[in-house]
Every structure is written in C-alpha cells, then in structure tokens.
C-alpha atoms as a PDB file:
ATOM      1  CA  MET A   1      24.787  45.059-109.290  1.00  0.00           C
ATOM      2  CA  LYS A   2      22.780  41.967-108.432  1.00  0.00           C
ATOM      3  CA  GLU A   3      20.080  43.392-106.196  1.00  0.00           C
ATOM      4  CA  ARG A   4      16.987  45.054-107.604  1.00  0.00           C
ATOM      5  CA  ASP A   5      17.647  48.361-105.836  1.00  0.00           C
ATOM      6  CA  GLU A   6      21.158  48.490-107.318  1.00  0.00           C
ATOM      7  CA  ILE A   7      19.751  47.757-110.768  1.00  0.00           C
ATOM      8  CA  LEU A   8      17.165  50.522-110.372  1.00  0.00           C
ATOM      9  CA  ALA A   9      19.860  52.991-109.283  1.00  0.00           C
ATOM     10  CA  THR A  10      21.971  52.071-112.316  1.00  0.00           C
ATOM     11  CA  LEU A  11      18.983  52.446-114.637  1.00  0.00           C
ATOM     12  CA  LYS A  12      18.260  55.866-113.182  1.00  0.00           C
ATOM     13  CA  THR A  13      21.841  56.960-113.823  1.00  0.00           C
ATOM     14  CA  ILE A  14      21.719  55.694-117.405  1.00  0.00           C
ATOM     15  CA  MET A  15      18.369  57.303-118.132  1.00  0.00           C
ATOM     16  CA  VAL A  16      19.353  60.661-116.669  1.00  0.00           C
ATOM     17  CA  GLU A  17      22.705  60.745-118.484  1.00  0.00           C
ATOM     18  CA  LEU A  18      21.691  59.285-121.861  1.00  0.00           C
ATOM     19  CA  PHE A  19      18.119  60.444-122.234  1.00  0.00           C
ATOM     20  CA  GLU A  20      17.951  63.476-119.913  1.00  0.00           C
ATOM     21  CA  ILE A  21      14.926  62.074-118.099  1.00  0.00           C
ATOM     22  CA  ASP A  22      14.032  63.638-114.765  1.00  0.00           C
ATOM     23  CA  GLU A  23      15.218  61.200-112.081  1.00  0.00           C
ATOM     24  CA  ASN A  24      12.016  61.719-110.088  1.00  0.00           C
ATOM     25  CA  LYS A  25       9.992  60.269-112.980  1.00  0.00           C
ATOM     26  CA  ILE A  26      12.007  57.036-112.999  1.00  0.00           C
ATOM     27  CA  THR A  27      10.049  54.752-110.700  1.00  0.00           C
ATOM     28  CA  LEU A  28       9.293  51.048-110.881  1.00  0.00           C
ATOM     29  CA  ASP A  29       5.761  51.849-112.103  1.00  0.00           C
ATOM     30  CA  ALA A  30       6.850  54.380-114.738  1.00  0.00           C
ATOM     31  CA  ARG A  31       5.758  53.280-118.200  1.00  0.00           C
ATOM     32  CA  LEU A  32       8.589  53.532-120.703  1.00  0.00           C
ATOM     33  CA  TYR A  33       6.668  54.811-123.683  1.00  0.00           C
ATOM     34  CA  GLU A  34       3.796  56.710-122.070  1.00  0.00           C
ATOM     35  CA  ASP A  35       5.476  58.267-119.025  1.00  0.00           C
ATOM     36  CA  LEU A  36       9.114  58.555-120.110  1.00  0.00           C
ATOM     37  CA  ASP A  37       8.734  59.141-123.868  1.00  0.00           C
ATOM     38  CA  PHE A  38      10.992  56.188-124.663  1.00  0.00           C
ATOM     39  CA  ASP A  39      11.150  55.002-128.260  1.00  0.00           C
ATOM     40  CA  SER A  40      12.665  51.972-130.003  1.00  0.00           C
ATOM     41  CA  ILE A  41      16.007  53.712-130.587  1.00  0.00           C
ATOM     42  CA  ASP A  42      16.185  54.582-126.884  1.00  0.00           C
ATOM     43  CA  ALA A  43      15.483  50.940-126.060  1.00  0.00           C
ATOM     44  CA  VAL A  44      18.377  49.779-128.245  1.00  0.00           C
ATOM     45  CA  ASP A  45      20.691  52.367-126.676  1.00  0.00           C
ATOM     46  CA  MET A  46      19.631  51.162-123.217  1.00  0.00           C
ATOM     47  CA  ILE A  47      20.364  47.522-124.129  1.00  0.00           C
ATOM     48  CA  VAL A  48      23.818  48.449-125.461  1.00  0.00           C
ATOM     49  CA  LYS A  49      24.600  50.374-122.267  1.00  0.00           C
ATOM     50  CA  LEU A  50      23.395  47.502-120.066  1.00  0.00           C
ATOM     51  CA  LYS A  51      25.648  45.128-121.988  1.00  0.00           C
ATOM     52  CA  GLU A  52      28.615  47.461-121.407  1.00  0.00           C
ATOM     53  CA  ILE A  53      27.891  47.743-117.693  1.00  0.00           C
ATOM     54  CA  THR A  54      27.128  44.092-116.978  1.00  0.00           C
ATOM     55  CA  GLY A  55      29.520  42.465-119.402  1.00  0.00           C
ATOM     56  CA  LYS A  56      26.718  40.016-120.168  1.00  0.00           C
ATOM     57  CA  SER A  57      25.130  39.261-123.490  1.00  0.00           C
ATOM     58  CA  VAL A  58      21.794  41.037-123.460  1.00  0.00           C
ATOM     59  CA  LYS A  59      19.016  39.342-125.380  1.00  0.00           C
ATOM     60  CA  VAL A  60      16.726  41.846-127.071  1.00  0.00           C
ATOM     61  CA  GLU A  61      13.810  39.432-126.760  1.00  0.00           C
ATOM     62  CA  ASP A  62      14.103  39.592-122.956  1.00  0.00           C
ATOM     63  CA  PHE A  63      13.311  43.292-123.158  1.00  0.00           C
ATOM     64  CA  LYS A  64      10.677  43.342-125.915  1.00  0.00           C
ATOM     65  CA  THR A  65       7.839  42.833-123.461  1.00  0.00           C
ATOM     66  CA  ALA A  66       9.143  45.375-120.951  1.00  0.00           C
ATOM     67  CA  LEU A  67       6.583  48.114-120.477  1.00  0.00           C
ATOM     68  CA  THR A  68       7.760  49.630-117.196  1.00  0.00           C
ATOM     69  CA  ILE A  69      11.001  50.369-115.370  1.00  0.00           C
ATOM     70  CA  GLY A  70      10.065  47.506-113.040  1.00  0.00           C
ATOM     71  CA  ASP A  71       9.957  45.148-116.030  1.00  0.00           C
ATOM     72  CA  ILE A  72      13.490  46.185-117.011  1.00  0.00           C
ATOM     73  CA  VAL A  73      14.718  45.763-113.437  1.00  0.00           C
ATOM     74  CA  GLU A  74      13.297  42.227-113.387  1.00  0.00           C
ATOM     75  CA  ALA A  75      14.800  41.357-116.792  1.00  0.00           C
ATOM     76  CA  VAL A  76      18.246  42.597-115.739  1.00  0.00           C
ATOM     77  CA  HIS A  77      17.962  40.852-112.368  1.00  0.00           C
ATOM     78  CA  LYS A  78      17.113  37.567-114.099  1.00  0.00           C
ATOM     79  CA  MET A  79      19.942  38.053-116.614  1.00  0.00           C
ATOM     80  CA  LEU A  80      22.520  38.702-113.878  1.00  0.00           C
ATOM     81  CA  ASN A  81      21.395  35.887-111.611  1.00  0.00           C
ATOM     82  CA  ASP A  82      20.946  33.078-114.145  1.00  0.00           C
END
C-alpha cells in the first residue's frame, strides 16, 4: 500500500466498514468534518486502524491538519515512504 490510489482504496474500505460512510462520498476532495460528519473520536479510530494496517507508528500531529481525504492520503503516503 505505497501508491496513493492504494491508500485511497484502503481508506474507503476503513470508512465504509468502521463509520458506515457511503463509498461514493469518499473522494479526495471530501471534507472530513463537513462532508463526511467525521469527529475527533472517528479521527482517533482511523489513526488506530491505519497503525494496525501499516504496522507503522502513526503520529497524531501528522493528521491534525488533515481536512480532506486527500490530506489523509498524502499523510499516509509520506509516512509509508519516509
């Protein structure tokens, strides 16, 4: 899961399974809080799941500024490729 499209596909799976979000709403431009009704607890759950999947230590501060799905994809991409 090193390419951005693979990361997006994984995020979609997580968001559909954990948060019951309609897969069609999960686009790179989708805003987490406004479009997808994400909250801080959801964000923590997402970080825990990403840590499980990647086996990497996920830094919360890398995700604090994430406002869109695209921002999360970029943060995960950077984390996996550093």
